[in-house]
PDB file of N, CA and C in Angstrom:
ATOM      1  N   UNK A   1       0.550  -1.155   0.062  1.00  0.00           N
ATOM      2  CA  UNK A   1       0.028   0.361   0.104  1.00  0.00           C
ATOM      3  C   UNK A   1       0.922   1.256  -0.052  1.00  0.00           C
ATOM      4  N   UNK A   2       0.672   2.246  -0.835  1.00  0.00           N
ATOM      5  CA  UNK A   2       1.386   3.808  -0.999  1.00  0.00           C
ATOM      6  C   UNK A   2       0.568   4.433   0.327  1.00  0.00           C
ATOM      7  N   UNK A   3       1.547   5.252   0.203  1.00  0.00           N
ATOM      8  CA  UNK A   3       1.416   6.267   1.284  1.00  0.00           C
ATOM      9  C   UNK A   3      -0.122   6.602   1.376  1.00  0.00           C
ATOM     10  N   UNK A   4      -0.745   7.327   0.235  1.00  0.00           N
ATOM     11  CA  UNK A   4      -1.960   7.904  -0.089  1.00  0.00           C
ATOM     12  C   UNK A   4      -3.231   6.760  -0.534  1.00  0.00           C
ATOM     13  N   UNK A   5      -2.921   5.525  -0.466  1.00  0.00           N
ATOM     14  CA  UNK A   5      -3.952   4.796  -0.546  1.00  0.00           C
ATOM     15  C   UNK A   5      -4.474   3.997   0.982  1.00  0.00           C
ATOM     16  N   UNK A   6      -5.534   4.231   1.484  1.00  0.00           N
ATOM     17  CA  UNK A   6      -6.749   4.124   2.648  1.00  0.00           C
ATOM     18  C   UNK A   6      -6.742   2.505   2.445  1.00  0.00           C
ATOM     19  N   UNK A   7      -6.451   1.908   3.498  1.00  0.00           N
ATOM     20  CA  UNK A   7      -6.560   0.412   3.221  1.00  0.00           C
ATOM     21  C   UNK A   7      -8.406   0.072   3.689  1.00  0.00           C
ATOM     22  N   UNK A   8      -9.183   0.588   4.145  1.00  0.00           N
ATOM     23  CA  UNK A   8     -10.359   0.388   4.255  1.00  0.00           C
ATOM     24  C   UNK A   8     -11.353   1.242   4.409  1.00  0.00           C
ATOM     25  N   UNK A   9     -12.536   1.459   4.856  1.00  0.00           N
ATOM     26  CA  UNK A   9     -13.433   2.758   4.811  1.00  0.00           C
ATOM     27  C   UNK A   9     -13.249   3.426   6.464  1.00  0.00           C
ATOM     28  N   UNK A  10     -12.906   2.504   6.949  1.00  0.00           N
ATOM     29  CA  UNK A  10     -12.959   2.858   8.392  1.00  0.00           C
ATOM     30  C   UNK A  10     -11.602   4.248   8.356  1.00  0.00           C
ATOM     31  N   UNK A  11     -10.702   3.558   7.889  1.00  0.00           N
ATOM     32  CA  UNK A  11      -9.405   4.400   7.452  1.00  0.00           C
ATOM     33  C   UNK A  11      -9.489   5.356   6.892  1.00  0.00           C
ATOM     34  N   UNK A  12     -10.327   5.437   5.969  1.00  0.00           N
ATOM     35  CA  UNK A  12     -10.678   6.912   5.365  1.00  0.00           C
ATOM     36  C   UNK A  12     -11.532   7.658   6.100  1.00  0.00           C
ATOM     37  N   UNK A  13     -12.278   7.344   6.941  1.00  0.00           N
ATOM     38  CA  UNK A  13     -13.503   7.742   7.309  1.00  0.00           C
ATOM     39  C   UNK A  13     -12.367   8.617   9.078  1.00  0.00           C
ATOM     40  N   UNK A  14     -11.621   7.678   9.582  1.00  0.00           N
ATOM     41  CA  UNK A  14     -10.705   8.545  10.518  1.00  0.00           C
ATOM     42  C   UNK A  14      -9.411   9.104   9.813  1.00  0.00           C
ATOM     43  N   UNK A  15      -9.469   9.407   8.765  1.00  0.00           N
ATOM     44  CA  UNK A  15      -8.737  10.508   7.620  1.00  0.00           C
ATOM     45  C   UNK A  15      -9.498  11.871   7.862  1.00  0.00           C
ATOM     46  N   UNK A  16     -10.569  11.636   7.475  1.00  0.00           N
ATOM     47  CA  UNK A  16     -11.432  12.336   7.082  1.00  0.00           C
ATOM     48  C   UNK A  16     -11.942  12.857   8.454  1.00  0.00           C
ATOM     49  N   UNK A  17     -11.927  12.540   9.621  1.00  0.00           N
ATOM     50  CA  UNK A  17     -12.838  13.423  10.579  1.00  0.00           C
ATOM     51  C   UNK A  17     -11.452  13.861  11.630  1.00  0.00           C
ATOM     52  N   UNK A  18     -10.002  13.218  11.012  1.00  0.00           N
ATOM     53  CA  UNK A  18      -9.180  14.200  11.780  1.00  0.00           C
ATOM     54  C   UNK A  18      -9.074  15.469  11.104  1.00  0.00           C
ATOM     55  N   UNK A  19      -9.089  15.469   9.559  1.00  0.00           N
ATOM     56  CA  UNK A  19      -8.945  16.296   8.807  1.00  0.00           C
ATOM     57  C   UNK A  19      -9.897  17.547   9.280  1.00  0.00           C
ATOM     58  N   UNK A  20     -11.573  17.034   9.166  1.00  0.00           N
ATOM     59  CA  UNK A  20     -12.525  17.983   9.404  1.00  0.00           C
ATOM     60  C   UNK A  20     -12.185  18.646  11.045  1.00  0.00           C
ATOM     61  N   UNK A  21     -11.727  18.254  11.834  1.00  0.00           N
ATOM     62  CA  UNK A  21     -11.521  18.701  13.362  1.00  0.00           C
ATOM     63  C   UNK A  21     -10.394  19.436  12.831  1.00  0.00           C
ATOM     64  N   UNK A  22      -9.655  19.207  12.428  1.00  0.00           N
ATOM     65  CA  UNK A  22      -8.090  20.221  12.192  1.00  0.00           C
ATOM     66  C   UNK A  22      -8.381  21.820  11.377  1.00  0.00           C
ATOM     67  N   UNK A  23      -9.013  21.231  10.735  1.00  0.00           N
ATOM     68  CA  UNK A  23      -9.699  21.861   9.289  1.00  0.00           C
ATOM     69  C   UNK A  23     -10.424  23.247  10.454  1.00  0.00           C
ATOM     70  N   UNK A  24     -11.529  22.838  11.365  1.00  0.00           N
ATOM     71  CA  UNK A  24     -11.866  24.152  11.835  1.00  0.00           C
ATOM     72  C   UNK A  24     -11.455  24.876  12.552  1.00  0.00           C
ATOM     73  N   UNK A  25     -10.036  23.910  13.125  1.00  0.00           N
ATOM     74  CA  UNK A  25      -9.326  24.839  13.737  1.00  0.00           C
ATOM     75  C   UNK A  25      -8.215  26.370  13.353  1.00  0.00           C
ATOM     76  N   UNK A  26      -8.113  26.133  11.987  1.00  0.00           N
ATOM     77  CA  UNK A  26      -7.314  27.004  11.101  1.00  0.00           C
ATOM     78  C   UNK A  26      -7.724  28.162  11.159  1.00  0.00           C
ATOM     79  N   UNK A  27      -9.313  28.566  10.903  1.00  0.00           N
ATOM     80  CA  UNK A  27      -9.331  29.898  10.902  1.00  0.00           C
ATOM     81  C   UNK A  27      -8.589  30.477  10.021  1.00  0.00           C
ATOM     82  N   UNK A  28      -7.767  31.381   9.844  1.00  0.00           N
ATOM     83  CA  UNK A  28      -7.172  32.645   8.817  1.00  0.00           C
ATOM     84  C   UNK A  28      -5.554  32.324   9.051  1.00  0.00           C
ATOM     85  N   UNK A  29      -4.644  32.390   8.208  1.00  0.00           N
ATOM     86  CA  UNK A  29      -3.436  32.090   7.842  1.00  0.00           C
ATOM     87  C   UNK A  29      -2.905  33.606   7.256  1.00  0.00           C
ATOM     88  N   UNK A  30      -2.321  34.163   7.502  1.00  0.00           N
ATOM     89  CA  UNK A  30      -1.731  35.597   6.532  1.00  0.00           C
ATOM     90  C   UNK A  30      -0.798  34.908   5.948  1.00  0.00           C
ATOM     91  N   UNK A  31      -0.795  34.881   4.784  1.00  0.00           N
ATOM     92  CA  UNK A  31       0.242  34.598   3.406  1.00  0.00           C
ATOM     93  C   UNK A  31       1.140  36.179   2.656  1.00  0.00           C
ATOM     94  N   UNK A  32       2.197  35.752   2.849  1.00  0.00           N
ATOM     95  CA  UNK A  32       2.915  36.485   2.338  1.00  0.00           C
ATOM     96  C   UNK A  32       2.826  37.003   1.107  1.00  0.00           C
ATOM     97  N   UNK A  33       2.510  35.860   0.180  1.00  0.00           N
ATOM     98  CA  UNK A  33       2.630  36.410  -1.480  1.00  0.00           C
ATOM     99  C   UNK A  33       1.364  36.828  -1.896  1.00  0.00           C
ATOM    100  N   UNK A  34       0.053  36.934  -1.070  1.00  0.00           N
ATOM    101  CA  UNK A  34      -1.199  37.166  -1.676  1.00  0.00           C
ATOM    102  C   UNK A  34      -1.150  39.091  -0.958  1.00  0.00           C
ATOM    103  N   UNK A  35      -0.271  38.734   0.312  1.00  0.00           N
ATOM    104  CA  UNK A  35      -0.678  39.689   1.086  1.00  0.00           C
ATOM    105  C   UNK A  35      -1.546  40.208   1.707  1.00  0.00           C
ATOM    106  N   UNK A  36      -2.406  38.989   2.523  1.00  0.00           N
ATOM    107  CA  UNK A  36      -4.061  39.035   2.835  1.00  0.00           C
ATOM    108  C   UNK A  36      -3.744  38.092   3.332  1.00  0.00           C
ATOM    109  N   UNK A  37      -4.906  37.501   4.342  1.00  0.00           N
ATOM    110  CA  UNK A  37      -5.368  36.376   5.393  1.00  0.00           C
ATOM    111  C   UNK A  37      -5.774  35.740   4.208  1.00  0.00           C
ATOM    112  N   UNK A  38      -5.308  34.105   4.703  1.00  0.00           N
ATOM    113  CA  UNK A  38      -6.466  33.203   3.631  1.00  0.00           C
ATOM    114  C   UNK A  38      -7.430  32.360   4.763  1.00  0.00           C
ATOM    115  N   UNK A  39      -8.578  32.569   4.753  1.00  0.00           N
ATOM    116  CA  UNK A  39      -9.536  31.646   5.099  1.00  0.00           C
ATOM    117  C   UNK A  39      -9.775  30.936   5.129  1.00  0.00           C
ATOM    118  N   UNK A  40     -10.041  29.710   5.694  1.00  0.00           N
ATOM    119  CA  UNK A  40     -10.159  27.992   6.203  1.00  0.00           C
ATOM    120  C   UNK A  40     -11.577  27.863   6.432  1.00  0.00           C
ATOM    121  N   UNK A  41     -12.696  28.313   5.791  1.00  0.00           N
ATOM    122  CA  UNK A  41     -13.570  28.255   5.474  1.00  0.00           C
ATOM    123  C   UNK A  41     -14.407  26.821   5.375  1.00  0.00           C
ATOM    124  N   UNK A  42     -15.319  26.778   5.413  1.00  0.00           N
ATOM    125  CA  UNK A  42     -16.238  25.723   4.991  1.00  0.00           C
ATOM    126  C   UNK A  42     -16.552  25.617   3.275  1.00  0.00           C
ATOM    127  N   UNK A  43     -16.153  27.056   2.646  1.00  0.00           N
ATOM    128  CA  UNK A  43     -15.787  26.507   1.488  1.00  0.00           C
ATOM    129  C   UNK A  43     -14.960  25.989   0.630  1.00  0.00           C
ATOM    130  N   UNK A  44     -13.561  26.173   1.284  1.00  0.00           N
ATOM    131  CA  UNK A  44     -12.800  25.773   1.031  1.00  0.00           C
ATOM    132  C   UNK A  44     -12.397  23.946   1.733  1.00  0.00           C
ATOM    133  N   UNK A  45     -13.386  23.413   2.527  1.00  0.00           N
ATOM    134  CA  UNK A  45     -13.542  22.174   2.845  1.00  0.00           C
ATOM    135  C   UNK A  45     -14.268  21.525   1.868  1.00  0.00           C
ATOM    136  N   UNK A  46     -15.020  21.964   1.737  1.00  0.00           N
ATOM    137  CA  UNK A  46     -15.801  21.387   0.577  1.00  0.00           C
ATOM    138  C   UNK A  46     -14.909  21.241  -0.922  1.00  0.00           C
ATOM    139  N   UNK A  47     -14.398  22.325  -1.107  1.00  0.00           N
ATOM    140  CA  UNK A  47     -13.593  22.120  -2.294  1.00  0.00           C
ATOM    141  C   UNK A  47     -12.569  21.021  -2.579  1.00  0.00           C
ATOM    142  N   UNK A  48     -12.319  20.803  -1.468  1.00  0.00           N
ATOM    143  CA  UNK A  48     -11.056  19.268  -0.780  1.00  0.00           C
ATOM    144  C   UNK A  48     -11.675  18.304  -1.149  1.00  0.00           C
ATOM    145  N   UNK A  49     -13.267  18.232  -0.941  1.00  0.00           N
ATOM    146  CA  UNK A  49     -13.780  16.635  -0.734  1.00  0.00           C
ATOM    147  C   UNK A  49     -14.765  16.981  -2.323  1.00  0.00           C
ATOM    148  N   UNK A  50     -15.070  18.223  -3.432  1.00  0.00           N
ATOM    149  CA  UNK A  50     -15.919  18.060  -4.039  1.00  0.00           C
ATOM    150  C   UNK A  50     -15.229  18.735  -5.559  1.00  0.00           C
ATOM    151  N   UNK A  51     -15.255  18.059  -6.738  1.00  0.00           N
ATOM    152  CA  UNK A  51     -15.329  19.216  -7.786  1.00  0.00           C
ATOM    153  C   UNK A  51     -15.730  20.092  -8.183  1.00  0.00           C
ATOM    154  N   UNK A  52     -17.150  20.074  -8.174  1.00  0.00           N
ATOM    155  CA  UNK A  52     -18.381  20.341  -8.162  1.00  0.00           C
ATOM    156  C   UNK A  52     -19.043  20.556  -7.649  1.00  0.00           C
ATOM    157  N   UNK A  53     -20.348  21.268  -7.309  1.00  0.00           N
ATOM    158  CA  UNK A  53     -21.773  20.822  -6.418  1.00  0.00           C
ATOM    159  C   UNK A  53     -21.909  20.069  -6.288  1.00  0.00           C
ATOM    160  N   UNK A  54     -22.021  19.058  -7.455  1.00  0.00           N
ATOM    161  CA  UNK A  54     -22.914  17.816  -6.878  1.00  0.00           C
ATOM    162  C   UNK A  54     -21.881  16.924  -7.848  1.00  0.00           C
ATOM    163  N   UNK A  55     -20.450  16.590  -7.625  1.00  0.00           N
ATOM    164  CA  UNK A  55     -19.613  16.253  -8.170  1.00  0.00           C
ATOM    165  C   UNK A  55     -18.309  15.948  -7.055  1.00  0.00           C
ATOM    166  N   UNK A  56     -18.504  14.590  -6.023  1.00  0.00           N
ATOM    167  CA  UNK A  56     -17.593  14.309  -5.400  1.00  0.00           C
ATOM    168  C   UNK A  56     -16.203  13.936  -6.490  1.00  0.00           C
ATOM    169  N   UNK A  57     -15.137  14.261  -5.719  1.00  0.00           N
ATOM    170  CA  UNK A  57     -13.477  13.627  -5.926  1.00  0.00           C
ATOM    171  C   UNK A  57     -13.524  12.246  -5.760  1.00  0.00           C
ATOM    172  N   UNK A  58     -13.013  11.625  -6.353  1.00  0.00           N
ATOM    173  CA  UNK A  58     -12.914  10.531  -6.008  1.00  0.00           C
ATOM    174  C   UNK A  58     -11.951  10.049  -4.105  1.00  0.00           C
ATOM    175  N   UNK A  59     -12.750   9.318  -4.011  1.00  0.00           N
ATOM    176  CA  UNK A  59     -12.161   8.645  -2.406  1.00  0.00           C
ATOM    177  C   UNK A  59     -10.712   8.645  -2.114  1.00  0.00           C
ATOM    178  N   UNK A  60      -9.774   8.343  -3.391  1.00  0.00           N
ATOM    179  CA  UNK A  60      -8.441   8.469  -3.419  1.00  0.00           C
ATOM    180  C   UNK A  60      -8.040   9.651  -3.210  1.00  0.00           C
ATOM    181  N   UNK A  61      -8.666  10.525  -3.814  1.00  0.00           N
ATOM    182  CA  UNK A  61      -8.186  11.472  -3.916  1.00  0.00           C
ATOM    183  C   UNK A  61      -8.554  12.821  -3.009  1.00  0.00           C
ATOM    184  N   UNK A  62      -9.513  12.610  -2.741  1.00  0.00           N
ATOM    185  CA  UNK A  62     -10.399  13.304  -1.274  1.00  0.00           C
ATOM    186  C   UNK A  62      -9.052  13.041  -0.152  1.00  0.00           C
ATOM    187  N   UNK A  63      -8.966  11.449   0.002  1.00  0.00           N
ATOM    188  CA  UNK A  63      -7.814  11.242   0.781  1.00  0.00           C
ATOM    189  C   UNK A  63      -6.610  11.590   1.007  1.00  0.00           C
ATOM    190  N   UNK A  64      -5.792  11.511   0.172  1.00  0.00           N
ATOM    191  CA  UNK A  64      -4.200  12.629  -0.289  1.00  0.00           C
ATOM    192  C   UNK A  64      -4.694  13.953   0.517  1.00  0.00           C
ATOM    193  N   UNK A  65      -5.358  14.572  -0.213  1.00  0.00           N
ATOM    194  CA  UNK A  65      -5.873  16.026  -0.095  1.00  0.00           C
ATOM    195  C   UNK A  65      -6.095  16.166   1.734  1.00  0.00           C
ATOM    196  N   UNK A  66      -7.155  15.372   2.171  1.00  0.00           N
ATOM    197  CA  UNK A  66      -7.289  15.173   3.500  1.00  0.00           C
ATOM    198  C   UNK A  66      -6.262  14.922   4.149  1.00  0.00           C
ATOM    199  N   UNK A  67      -5.285  14.410   3.830  1.00  0.00           N
ATOM    200  CA  UNK A  67      -4.441  14.015   4.855  1.00  0.00           C
ATOM    201  C   UNK A  67      -3.062  14.882   4.848  1.00  0.00           C
ATOM    202  N   UNK A  68      -2.613  15.284   4.143  1.00  0.00           N
ATOM    203  CA  UNK A  68      -1.978  16.296   3.730  1.00  0.00           C
ATOM    204  C   UNK A  68      -2.197  17.583   4.126  1.00  0.00           C
ATOM    205  N   UNK A  69      -3.907  18.059   4.640  1.00  0.00           N
ATOM    206  CA  UNK A  69      -4.372  19.326   4.888  1.00  0.00           C
ATOM    207  C   UNK A  69      -3.520  20.160   5.845  1.00  0.00           C
ATOM    208  N   UNK A  70      -2.806  19.160   7.062  1.00  0.00           N
ATOM    209  CA  UNK A  70      -2.104  19.607   7.992  1.00  0.00           C
ATOM    210  C   UNK A  70      -1.188  20.613   7.740  1.00  0.00           C
ATOM    211  N   UNK A  71      -0.331  20.601   6.718  1.00  0.00           N
ATOM    212  CA  UNK A  71       0.685  21.061   5.833  1.00  0.00           C
ATOM    213  C   UNK A  71       0.713  22.252   5.293  1.00  0.00           C
ATOM    214  N   UNK A  72      -0.481  22.716   4.915  1.00  0.00           N
ATOM    215  CA  UNK A  72      -1.424  23.993   4.261  1.00  0.00           C
ATOM    216  C   UNK A  72      -0.928  25.379   5.103  1.00  0.00           C
ATOM    217  N   UNK A  73      -1.337  25.458   6.719  1.00  0.00           N
ATOM    218  CA  UNK A  73      -0.937  26.412   7.004  1.00  0.00           C
ATOM    219  C   UNK A  73       0.327  27.116   6.807  1.00  0.00           C
ATOM    220  N   UNK A  74       1.221  26.153   7.090  1.00  0.00           N
ATOM    221  CA  UNK A  74       2.603  26.207   7.220  1.00  0.00           C
ATOM    222  C   UNK A  74       3.635  26.763   5.840  1.00  0.00           C
ATOM    223  N   UNK A  75       2.852  26.225   4.954  1.00  0.00           N
ATOM    224  CA  UNK A  75       2.831  26.212   3.318  1.00  0.00           C
ATOM    225  C   UNK A  75       2.649  27.664   3.152  1.00  0.00           C
ATOM    226  N   UNK A  76       1.453  28.168   3.753  1.00  0.00           N
ATOM    227  CA  UNK A  76       0.813  29.395   3.193  1.00  0.00           C
ATOM    228  C   UNK A  76       1.647  30.652   4.142  1.00  0.00           C
ATOM    229  N   UNK A  77       1.621  30.544   4.878  1.00  0.00           N
ATOM    230  CA  UNK A  77       3.251  31.476   5.996  1.00  0.00           C
ATOM    231  C   UNK A  77       4.283  31.474   5.028  1.00  0.00           C
ATOM    232  N   UNK A  78       4.591  30.086   4.740  1.00  0.00           N
ATOM    233  CA  UNK A  78       6.255  30.726   4.139  1.00  0.00           C
ATOM    234  C   UNK A  78       6.163  30.864   2.508  1.00  0.00           C
ATOM    235  N   UNK A  79       5.094  31.258   2.132  1.00  0.00           N
ATOM    236  CA  UNK A  79       5.012  31.246   0.614  1.00  0.00           C
ATOM    237  C   UNK A  79       5.125  32.783  -0.031  1.00  0.00           C
ATOM    238  N   UNK A  80       6.052  32.948  -1.008  1.00  0.00           N
ATOM    239  CA  UNK A  80       7.031  34.056  -1.047  1.00  0.00           C
ATOM    240  C   UNK A  80       7.004  34.377  -2.468  1.00  0.00           C
ATOM    241  N   UNK A  81       7.022  33.393  -3.169  1.00  0.00           N
ATOM    242  CA  UNK A  81       6.897  33.266  -4.554  1.00  0.00           C
ATOM    243  C   UNK A  81       6.208  32.250  -5.235  1.00  0.00           C
ATOM    244  N   UNK A  82       5.930  32.460  -6.154  1.00  0.00           N
ATOM    245  CA  UNK A  82       5.055  31.105  -7.162  1.00  0.00           C
ATOM    246  C   UNK A  82       6.030  29.802  -7.074  1.00  0.00           C
TER     247      UNK A  82
END
């Protein structure tokens, strides 16, 4: 199994629940590149899970995005160039 392959439905749900809980604690992060605060709100979390309003991303795609969300705040804080 690769790092971003979930073993079973329970593994996926655990990562999803952990990411949801973590995401709600972020709030806003100042991004030096954009020179403004980036809001981590419900719209952003929905973007991680859905491609469009009614089309969910594949579970494997959701899993990798949700598993890596904990690095997003620090990446934004340190971003100075594209």
